[in-house]
Amino acid sequence: MKKFFLSLAGAALLAGTMAAVPETAQAAQWHGHHHRQVCRIVVKNKVVWRHGRKHVVPVKVRRCWNP
């Protein structure tokens, strides 16, 4: 009975450490990942046809990416 109790306690201790490992690993994985979205306003020239000739209209376009 004593051996059974010790093996049960050992299994519980092992299960407790195994349960704690993914949590700490996940915390370490997400610790350095601060991907901030970077956005820049880029002025693009849009070409439109008015009155039979070409007009260039500057348009502000937002470009975003994750570095």
C-alpha atoms as a PDB file:
ATOM      1  CA  MET A   1       0.000   0.000   0.000  1.00  0.00           C
ATOM      2  CA  LYS A   2       2.881   2.321   0.863  1.00  0.00           C
ATOM      3  CA  LYS A   3       4.535   1.666  -2.517  1.00  0.00           C
ATOM      4  CA  PHE A   4       1.253   2.337  -4.291  1.00  0.00           C
ATOM      5  CA  PHE A   5       0.861   5.653  -2.463  1.00  0.00           C
ATOM      6  CA  LEU A   6       4.456   6.690  -3.294  1.00  0.00           C
ATOM      7  CA  SER A   7       4.022   5.793  -6.956  1.00  0.00           C
ATOM      8  CA  LEU A   8       0.725   7.701  -7.015  1.00  0.00           C
ATOM      9  CA  ALA A   9       2.374  10.735  -5.408  1.00  0.00           C
ATOM     10  CA  GLY A  10       5.284  10.479  -7.852  1.00  0.00           C
ATOM     11  CA  ALA A  11       2.890  10.294 -10.800  1.00  0.00           C
ATOM     12  CA  ALA A  12       0.978  13.323  -9.508  1.00  0.00           C
ATOM     13  CA  LEU A  13       4.223  15.252  -9.089  1.00  0.00           C
ATOM     14  CA  LEU A  14       5.330  14.272 -12.593  1.00  0.00           C
ATOM     15  CA  ALA A  15       1.936  15.227 -14.021  1.00  0.00           C
ATOM     16  CA  GLY A  16       2.141  18.571 -12.225  1.00  0.00           C
ATOM     17  CA  THR A  17       5.536  19.343 -13.717  1.00  0.00           C
ATOM     18  CA  MET A  18       4.382  18.206 -17.158  1.00  0.00           C
ATOM     19  CA  ALA A  19       1.328  20.448 -16.920  1.00  0.00           C
ATOM     20  CA  ALA A  20       3.498  23.424 -15.972  1.00  0.00           C
ATOM     21  CA  VAL A  21       5.926  22.951 -18.885  1.00  0.00           C
ATOM     22  CA  PRO A  22       3.615  23.954 -21.784  1.00  0.00           C
ATOM     23  CA  GLU A  23       2.458  27.032 -19.905  1.00  0.00           C
ATOM     24  CA  THR A  24       5.989  28.319 -19.310  1.00  0.00           C
ATOM     25  CA  ALA A  25       7.035  27.367 -22.838  1.00  0.00           C
ATOM     26  CA  GLN A  26       4.078  29.256 -24.248  1.00  0.00           C
ATOM     27  CA  ALA A  27       4.873  32.262 -22.067  1.00  0.00           C
ATOM     28  CA  ALA A  28       8.477  32.204 -23.284  1.00  0.00           C
ATOM     29  CA  GLN A  29       7.320  31.881 -26.863  1.00  0.00           C
ATOM     30  CA  TRP A  30       5.043  34.917 -26.669  1.00  0.00           C
ATOM     31  CA  HIS A  31       7.421  36.985 -24.558  1.00  0.00           C
ATOM     32  CA  GLY A  32       9.501  38.361 -27.423  1.00  0.00           C
ATOM     33  CA  HIS A  33       6.794  38.499 -30.077  1.00  0.00           C
ATOM     34  CA  HIS A  34       5.568  42.059 -30.138  1.00  0.00           C
ATOM     35  CA  HIS A  35       4.668  42.458 -33.780  1.00  0.00           C
ATOM     36  CA  ARG A  36       3.425  45.957 -34.100  1.00  0.00           C
ATOM     37  CA  GLN A  37       1.745  46.902 -37.298  1.00  0.00           C
ATOM     38  CA  VAL A  38       3.612  49.624 -39.125  1.00  0.00           C
ATOM     39  CA  CYS A  39       1.585  51.934 -41.343  1.00  0.00           C
ATOM     40  CA  ARG A  40       2.837  54.583 -43.728  1.00  0.00           C
ATOM     41  CA  ILE A  41       0.909  57.064 -45.806  1.00  0.00           C
ATOM     42  CA  VAL A  42       2.097  56.843 -49.413  1.00  0.00           C
ATOM     43  CA  VAL A  43       1.055  59.347 -52.044  1.00  0.00           C
ATOM     44  CA  LYS A  44       0.236  57.600 -55.311  1.00  0.00           C
ATOM     45  CA  ASN A  45      -0.587  59.391 -58.510  1.00  0.00           C
ATOM     46  CA  LYS A  46      -3.874  58.246 -59.997  1.00  0.00           C
ATOM     47  CA  VAL A  47      -4.325  58.913 -63.690  1.00  0.00           C
ATOM     48  CA  VAL A  48      -7.820  59.933 -64.739  1.00  0.00           C
ATOM     49  CA  TRP A  49      -9.133  61.055 -68.088  1.00  0.00           C
ATOM     50  CA  ARG A  50     -11.074  64.300 -68.070  1.00  0.00           C
ATOM     51  CA  HIS A  51     -12.203  66.334 -71.014  1.00  0.00           C
ATOM     52  CA  GLY A  52     -10.337  64.089 -73.421  1.00  0.00           C
ATOM     53  CA  ARG A  53      -6.943  64.409 -71.769  1.00  0.00           C
ATOM     54  CA  LYS A  54      -4.961  62.895 -68.926  1.00  0.00           C
ATOM     55  CA  HIS A  55      -5.066  64.386 -65.422  1.00  0.00           C
ATOM     56  CA  VAL A  56      -2.883  63.183 -62.542  1.00  0.00           C
ATOM     57  CA  VAL A  57      -4.601  63.196 -59.155  1.00  0.00           C
ATOM     58  CA  PRO A  58      -2.443  62.564 -56.052  1.00  0.00           C
ATOM     59  CA  VAL A  59      -4.153  60.072 -53.736  1.00  0.00           C
ATOM     60  CA  LYS A  60      -3.004  59.247 -50.195  1.00  0.00           C
ATOM     61  CA  VAL A  61      -2.934  55.478 -49.675  1.00  0.00           C
ATOM     62  CA  ARG A  62      -2.305  53.742 -46.363  1.00  0.00           C
ATOM     63  CA  ARG A  63       0.218  50.863 -46.550  1.00  0.00           C
ATOM     64  CA  CYS A  64       0.460  48.588 -43.485  1.00  0.00           C
ATOM     65  CA  TRP A  65       2.752  45.641 -42.754  1.00  0.00           C
ATOM     66  CA  ASN A  66       4.111  43.639 -39.834  1.00  0.00           C
ATOM     67  CA  PRO A  67       7.907  43.795 -39.571  1.00  0.00           C
END
